[in-house]
Amino acid sequence: MMKSPLFWKVSTLLGCILLLLVPLFMVSNLISERESYRNDVEHSLRQSTSGPQKLVGPLIAIPVTE
């Protein structure tokens, strides 16, 4: 085992960095999941609400008798 104080300081610092990276990756993963869910919902809404649009003007019906 190394008895150098520098070794312990560096190893403690690296350990802290690794421990802090775990929640960072968890939050990053959560953000990705929510973005994916949002995109799925937007796609679903577009498919269900918007279809081909028609432009129809006023229509006059004149009865014809022969």
PDB file of N, CA and C in Angstrom:
ATOM      1  N   MET A   1       0.835  -1.182   0.000  1.00  0.00           N
ATOM      2  CA  MET A   1       0.000   0.000   0.000  1.00  0.00           C
ATOM      3  C   MET A   1       0.876   1.240   0.000  1.00  0.00           C
ATOM      4  N   MET A   2       0.418   2.235  -0.678  1.00  0.00           N
ATOM      5  CA  MET A   2       1.171   3.480  -0.711  1.00  0.00           C
ATOM      6  C   MET A   2       0.776   4.331   0.488  1.00  0.00           C
ATOM      7  N   LYS A   3       1.751   4.943   1.081  1.00  0.00           N
ATOM      8  CA  LYS A   3       1.495   5.784   2.249  1.00  0.00           C
ATOM      9  C   LYS A   3       1.563   7.269   1.899  1.00  0.00           C
ATOM     10  N   SER A   4       1.694   7.561   0.624  1.00  0.00           N
ATOM     11  CA  SER A   4       1.833   8.947   0.200  1.00  0.00           C
ATOM     12  C   SER A   4       0.507   9.691   0.362  1.00  0.00           C
ATOM     13  N   PRO A   5       0.552  10.876   0.987  1.00  0.00           N
ATOM     14  CA  PRO A   5      -0.689  11.645   1.123  1.00  0.00           C
ATOM     15  C   PRO A   5      -1.245  12.090  -0.232  1.00  0.00           C
ATOM     16  N   LEU A   6      -0.360  12.300  -1.198  1.00  0.00           N
ATOM     17  CA  LEU A   6      -0.813  12.695  -2.527  1.00  0.00           C
ATOM     18  C   LEU A   6      -1.640  11.583  -3.164  1.00  0.00           C
ATOM     19  N   PHE A   7      -1.214  10.347  -2.986  1.00  0.00           N
ATOM     20  CA  PHE A   7      -1.958   9.204  -3.519  1.00  0.00           C
ATOM     21  C   PHE A   7      -3.367   9.167  -2.937  1.00  0.00           C
ATOM     22  N   TRP A   8      -3.492   9.357  -1.637  1.00  0.00           N
ATOM     23  CA  TRP A   8      -4.807   9.307  -0.991  1.00  0.00           C
ATOM     24  C   TRP A   8      -5.684  10.479  -1.420  1.00  0.00           C
ATOM     25  N   LYS A   9      -5.087  11.631  -1.595  1.00  0.00           N
ATOM     26  CA  LYS A   9      -5.865  12.792  -2.040  1.00  0.00           C
ATOM     27  C   LYS A   9      -6.387  12.586  -3.461  1.00  0.00           C
ATOM     28  N   VAL A  10      -5.505  12.097  -4.326  1.00  0.00           N
ATOM     29  CA  VAL A  10      -5.910  11.872  -5.713  1.00  0.00           C
ATOM     30  C   VAL A  10      -6.951  10.768  -5.789  1.00  0.00           C
ATOM     31  N   SER A  11      -6.745   9.680  -5.048  1.00  0.00           N
ATOM     32  CA  SER A  11      -7.717   8.580  -5.094  1.00  0.00           C
ATOM     33  C   SER A  11      -9.058   9.004  -4.499  1.00  0.00           C
ATOM     34  N   THR A  12      -9.046   9.816  -3.453  1.00  0.00           N
ATOM     35  CA  THR A  12     -10.292  10.318  -2.875  1.00  0.00           C
ATOM     36  C   THR A  12     -11.004  11.237  -3.865  1.00  0.00           C
ATOM     37  N   LEU A  13     -10.248  12.081  -4.530  1.00  0.00           N
ATOM     38  CA  LEU A  13     -10.826  12.976  -5.527  1.00  0.00           C
ATOM     39  C   LEU A  13     -11.446  12.187  -6.675  1.00  0.00           C
ATOM     40  N   LEU A  14     -10.748  11.181  -7.173  1.00  0.00           N
ATOM     41  CA  LEU A  14     -11.292  10.349  -8.250  1.00  0.00           C
ATOM     42  C   LEU A  14     -12.536   9.590  -7.791  1.00  0.00           C
ATOM     43  N   GLY A  15     -12.520   9.111  -6.551  1.00  0.00           N
ATOM     44  CA  GLY A  15     -13.696   8.425  -6.014  1.00  0.00           C
ATOM     45  C   GLY A  15     -14.901   9.347  -5.936  1.00  0.00           C
ATOM     46  N   CYS A  16     -14.675  10.584  -5.493  1.00  0.00           N
ATOM     47  CA  CYS A  16     -15.776  11.558  -5.416  1.00  0.00           C
ATOM     48  C   CYS A  16     -16.312  11.881  -6.804  1.00  0.00           C
ATOM     49  N   ILE A  17     -15.403  12.025  -7.761  1.00  0.00           N
ATOM     50  CA  ILE A  17     -15.839  12.317  -9.130  1.00  0.00           C
ATOM     51  C   ILE A  17     -16.685  11.178  -9.668  1.00  0.00           C
ATOM     52  N   LEU A  18     -16.245   9.945  -9.443  1.00  0.00           N
ATOM     53  CA  LEU A  18     -17.018   8.791  -9.920  1.00  0.00           C
ATOM     54  C   LEU A  18     -18.379   8.716  -9.244  1.00  0.00           C
ATOM     55  N   LEU A  19     -18.430   9.014  -7.953  1.00  0.00           N
ATOM     56  CA  LEU A  19     -19.716   8.991  -7.249  1.00  0.00           C
ATOM     57  C   LEU A  19     -20.653  10.084  -7.760  1.00  0.00           C
ATOM     58  N   LEU A  20     -20.110  11.222  -8.148  1.00  0.00           N
ATOM     59  CA  LEU A  20     -20.953  12.302  -8.657  1.00  0.00           C
ATOM     60  C   LEU A  20     -21.382  12.077 -10.101  1.00  0.00           C
ATOM     61  N   LEU A  21     -20.658  11.230 -10.824  1.00  0.00           N
ATOM     62  CA  LEU A  21     -21.045  10.944 -12.203  1.00  0.00           C
ATOM     63  C   LEU A  21     -22.277  10.039 -12.274  1.00  0.00           C
ATOM     64  N   VAL A  22     -22.488   9.217 -11.261  1.00  0.00           N
ATOM     65  CA  VAL A  22     -23.634   8.295 -11.271  1.00  0.00           C
ATOM     66  C   VAL A  22     -24.953   9.063 -11.350  1.00  0.00           C
ATOM     67  N   PRO A  23     -25.229  10.026 -10.451  1.00  0.00           N
ATOM     68  CA  PRO A  23     -26.498  10.759 -10.583  1.00  0.00           C
ATOM     69  C   PRO A  23     -26.571  11.585 -11.862  1.00  0.00           C
ATOM     70  N   LEU A  24     -25.425  12.063 -12.332  1.00  0.00           N
ATOM     71  CA  LEU A  24     -25.417  12.830 -13.575  1.00  0.00           C
ATOM     72  C   LEU A  24     -25.903  11.972 -14.734  1.00  0.00           C
ATOM     73  N   PHE A  25     -25.418  10.741 -14.823  1.00  0.00           N
ATOM     74  CA  PHE A  25     -25.865   9.843 -15.883  1.00  0.00           C
ATOM     75  C   PHE A  25     -27.326   9.441 -15.694  1.00  0.00           C
ATOM     76  N   MET A  26     -27.764   9.306 -14.448  1.00  0.00           N
ATOM     77  CA  MET A  26     -29.161   8.961 -14.197  1.00  0.00           C
ATOM     78  C   MET A  26     -30.085  10.088 -14.665  1.00  0.00           C
ATOM     79  N   VAL A  27     -29.728  11.327 -14.376  1.00  0.00           N
ATOM     80  CA  VAL A  27     -30.540  12.469 -14.802  1.00  0.00           C
ATOM     81  C   VAL A  27     -30.517  12.591 -16.320  1.00  0.00           C
ATOM     82  N   SER A  28     -29.360  12.372 -16.915  1.00  0.00           N
ATOM     83  CA  SER A  28     -29.253  12.434 -18.372  1.00  0.00           C
ATOM     84  C   SER A  28     -30.150  11.381 -19.019  1.00  0.00           C
ATOM     85  N   ASN A  29     -30.177  10.182 -18.454  1.00  0.00           N
ATOM     86  CA  ASN A  29     -31.027   9.114 -18.971  1.00  0.00           C
ATOM     87  C   ASN A  29     -32.502   9.477 -18.812  1.00  0.00           C
ATOM     88  N   LEU A  30     -32.868  10.066 -17.693  1.00  0.00           N
ATOM     89  CA  LEU A  30     -34.253  10.482 -17.461  1.00  0.00           C
ATOM     90  C   LEU A  30     -34.680  11.546 -18.471  1.00  0.00           C
ATOM     91  N   ILE A  31     -33.792  12.486 -18.759  1.00  0.00           N
ATOM     92  CA  ILE A  31     -34.098  13.521 -19.751  1.00  0.00           C
ATOM     93  C   ILE A  31     -34.318  12.893 -21.118  1.00  0.00           C
ATOM     94  N   SER A  32     -33.474  11.932 -21.493  1.00  0.00           N
ATOM     95  CA  SER A  32     -33.636  11.263 -22.797  1.00  0.00           C
ATOM     96  C   SER A  32     -34.968  10.522 -22.869  1.00  0.00           C
ATOM     97  N   GLU A  33     -35.338   9.828 -21.789  1.00  0.00           N
ATOM     98  CA  GLU A  33     -36.608   9.101 -21.775  1.00  0.00           C
ATOM     99  C   GLU A  33     -37.783  10.061 -21.933  1.00  0.00           C
ATOM    100  N   ARG A  34     -37.734  11.189 -21.246  1.00  0.00           N
ATOM    101  CA  ARG A  34     -38.840  12.147 -21.327  1.00  0.00           C
ATOM    102  C   ARG A  34     -38.919  12.793 -22.702  1.00  0.00           C
ATOM    103  N   GLU A  35     -37.771  13.069 -23.322  1.00  0.00           N
ATOM    104  CA  GLU A  35     -37.790  13.617 -24.680  1.00  0.00           C
ATOM    105  C   GLU A  35     -38.391  12.609 -25.650  1.00  0.00           C
ATOM    106  N   SER A  36     -38.036  11.340 -25.470  1.00  0.00           N
ATOM    107  CA  SER A  36     -38.581  10.298 -26.333  1.00  0.00           C
ATOM    108  C   SER A  36     -40.097  10.185 -26.136  1.00  0.00           C
ATOM    109  N   TYR A  37     -40.538  10.223 -24.880  1.00  0.00           N
ATOM    110  CA  TYR A  37     -41.966  10.149 -24.585  1.00  0.00           C
ATOM    111  C   TYR A  37     -42.703  11.347 -25.187  1.00  0.00           C
ATOM    112  N   ARG A  38     -42.111  12.549 -25.073  1.00  0.00           N
ATOM    113  CA  ARG A  38     -42.723  13.749 -25.646  1.00  0.00           C
ATOM    114  C   ARG A  38     -42.852  13.628 -27.159  1.00  0.00           C
ATOM    115  N   ASN A  39     -41.802  13.131 -27.809  1.00  0.00           N
ATOM    116  CA  ASN A  39     -41.852  12.970 -29.263  1.00  0.00           C
ATOM    117  C   ASN A  39     -42.918  11.955 -29.670  1.00  0.00           C
ATOM    118  N   ASP A  40     -43.053  10.870 -28.893  1.00  0.00           N
ATOM    119  CA  ASP A  40     -44.090   9.878 -29.188  1.00  0.00           C
ATOM    120  C   ASP A  40     -45.484  10.482 -29.049  1.00  0.00           C
ATOM    121  N   VAL A  41     -45.687  11.279 -28.012  1.00  0.00           N
ATOM    122  CA  VAL A  41     -46.992  11.909 -27.795  1.00  0.00           C
ATOM    123  C   VAL A  41     -47.292  12.904 -28.914  1.00  0.00           C
ATOM    124  N   GLU A  42     -46.299  13.702 -29.308  1.00  0.00           N
ATOM    125  CA  GLU A  42     -46.514  14.647 -30.411  1.00  0.00           C
ATOM    126  C   GLU A  42     -46.875  13.908 -31.693  1.00  0.00           C
ATOM    127  N   HIS A  43     -46.185  12.829 -31.969  1.00  0.00           N
ATOM    128  CA  HIS A  43     -46.471  12.046 -33.176  1.00  0.00           C
ATOM    129  C   HIS A  43     -47.881  11.463 -33.113  1.00  0.00           C
ATOM    130  N   SER A  44     -48.258  10.955 -31.946  1.00  0.00           N
ATOM    131  CA  SER A  44     -49.589  10.380 -31.776  1.00  0.00           C
ATOM    132  C   SER A  44     -50.673  11.440 -31.969  1.00  0.00           C
ATOM    133  N   LEU A  45     -50.451  12.634 -31.415  1.00  0.00           N
ATOM    134  CA  LEU A  45     -51.436  13.705 -31.575  1.00  0.00           C
ATOM    135  C   LEU A  45     -51.544  14.151 -33.025  1.00  0.00           C
ATOM    136  N   ARG A  46     -50.420  14.225 -33.703  1.00  0.00           N
ATOM    137  CA  ARG A  46     -50.464  14.613 -35.119  1.00  0.00           C
ATOM    138  C   ARG A  46     -51.242  13.595 -35.936  1.00  0.00           C
ATOM    139  N   GLN A  47     -51.051  12.322 -35.645  1.00  0.00           N
ATOM    140  CA  GLN A  47     -51.736  11.279 -36.400  1.00  0.00           C
ATOM    141  C   GLN A  47     -53.232  11.279 -36.119  1.00  0.00           C
ATOM    142  N   SER A  48     -53.628  11.578 -34.880  1.00  0.00           N
ATOM    143  CA  SER A  48     -55.043  11.477 -34.523  1.00  0.00           C
ATOM    144  C   SER A  48     -55.832  12.744 -34.845  1.00  0.00           C
ATOM    145  N   THR A  49     -55.202  13.892 -34.852  1.00  0.00           N
ATOM    146  CA  THR A  49     -55.969  15.126 -35.026  1.00  0.00           C
ATOM    147  C   THR A  49     -55.852  15.737 -36.407  1.00  0.00           C
ATOM    148  N   SER A  50     -54.759  15.561 -37.058  1.00  0.00           N
ATOM    149  CA  SER A  50     -54.618  16.225 -38.356  1.00  0.00           C
ATOM    150  C   SER A  50     -54.686  15.206 -39.473  1.00  0.00           C
ATOM    151  N   GLY A  51     -55.478  15.534 -40.443  1.00  0.00           N
ATOM    152  CA  GLY A  51     -55.603  14.696 -41.616  1.00  0.00           C
ATOM    153  C   GLY A  51     -55.554  15.586 -42.836  1.00  0.00           C
ATOM    154  N   PRO A  52     -55.959  15.055 -43.953  1.00  0.00           N
ATOM    155  CA  PRO A  52     -55.983  15.907 -45.141  1.00  0.00           C
ATOM    156  C   PRO A  52     -57.010  17.023 -44.962  1.00  0.00           C
ATOM    157  N   GLN A  53     -56.633  18.207 -45.349  1.00  0.00           N
ATOM    158  CA  GLN A  53     -57.515  19.350 -45.186  1.00  0.00           C
ATOM    159  C   GLN A  53     -58.232  19.640 -46.500  1.00  0.00           C
ATOM    160  N   LYS A  54     -59.484  20.074 -46.367  1.00  0.00           N
ATOM    161  CA  LYS A  54     -60.283  20.414 -47.543  1.00  0.00           C
ATOM    162  C   LYS A  54     -60.707  21.864 -47.425  1.00  0.00           C
ATOM    163  N   LEU A  55     -60.684  22.550 -48.543  1.00  0.00           N
ATOM    164  CA  LEU A  55     -61.151  23.927 -48.587  1.00  0.00           C
ATOM    165  C   LEU A  55     -62.470  23.925 -49.347  1.00  0.00           C
ATOM    166  N   VAL A  56     -63.548  24.175 -48.624  1.00  0.00           N
ATOM    167  CA  VAL A  56     -64.879  24.136 -49.225  1.00  0.00           C
ATOM    168  C   VAL A  56     -65.507  25.507 -49.042  1.00  0.00           C
ATOM    169  N   GLY A  57     -65.981  26.064 -50.128  1.00  0.00           N
ATOM    170  CA  GLY A  57     -66.640  27.365 -50.077  1.00  0.00           C
ATOM    171  C   GLY A  57     -68.131  27.198 -49.858  1.00  0.00           C
ATOM    172  N   PRO A  58     -68.861  28.299 -49.881  1.00  0.00           N
ATOM    173  CA  PRO A  58     -70.314  28.214 -49.714  1.00  0.00           C
ATOM    174  C   PRO A  58     -70.938  27.465 -50.897  1.00  0.00           C
ATOM    175  N   LEU A  59     -71.938  26.696 -50.606  1.00  0.00           N
ATOM    176  CA  LEU A  59     -72.591  25.874 -51.621  1.00  0.00           C
ATOM    177  C   LEU A  59     -74.055  26.282 -51.694  1.00  0.00           C
ATOM    178  N   ILE A  60     -74.503  26.611 -52.887  1.00  0.00           N
ATOM    179  CA  ILE A  60     -75.901  26.996 -53.084  1.00  0.00           C
ATOM    180  C   ILE A  60     -76.599  25.834 -53.775  1.00  0.00           C
ATOM    181  N   ALA A  61     -77.637  25.351 -53.137  1.00  0.00           N
ATOM    182  CA  ALA A  61     -78.412  24.255 -53.723  1.00  0.00           C
ATOM    183  C   ALA A  61     -79.698  24.832 -54.302  1.00  0.00           C
ATOM    184  N   ILE A  62     -79.855  24.714 -55.600  1.00  0.00           N
ATOM    185  CA  ILE A  62     -81.058  25.212 -56.273  1.00  0.00           C
ATOM    186  C   ILE A  62     -81.853  23.992 -56.733  1.00  0.00           C
ATOM    187  N   PRO A  63     -83.055  23.831 -56.190  1.00  0.00           N
ATOM    188  CA  PRO A  63     -83.849  22.683 -56.618  1.00  0.00           C
ATOM    189  C   PRO A  63     -84.308  22.857 -58.070  1.00  0.00           C
ATOM    190  N   VAL A  64     -84.203  21.794 -58.821  1.00  0.00           N
ATOM    191  CA  VAL A  64     -84.589  21.824 -60.238  1.00  0.00           C
ATOM    192  C   VAL A  64     -85.717  20.822 -60.437  1.00  0.00           C
ATOM    193  N   THR A  65     -86.764  21.266 -61.084  1.00  0.00           N
ATOM    194  CA  THR A  65     -87.865  20.356 -61.416  1.00  0.00           C
ATOM    195  C   THR A  65     -88.026  20.328 -62.925  1.00  0.00           C
ATOM    196  N   GLU A  66     -88.212  19.169 -63.454  1.00  0.00           N
ATOM    197  CA  GLU A  66     -88.397  19.047 -64.907  1.00  0.00           C
ATOM    198  C   GLU A  66     -89.737  18.458 -65.207  1.00  0.00           C
TER     199      GLU A  66
END
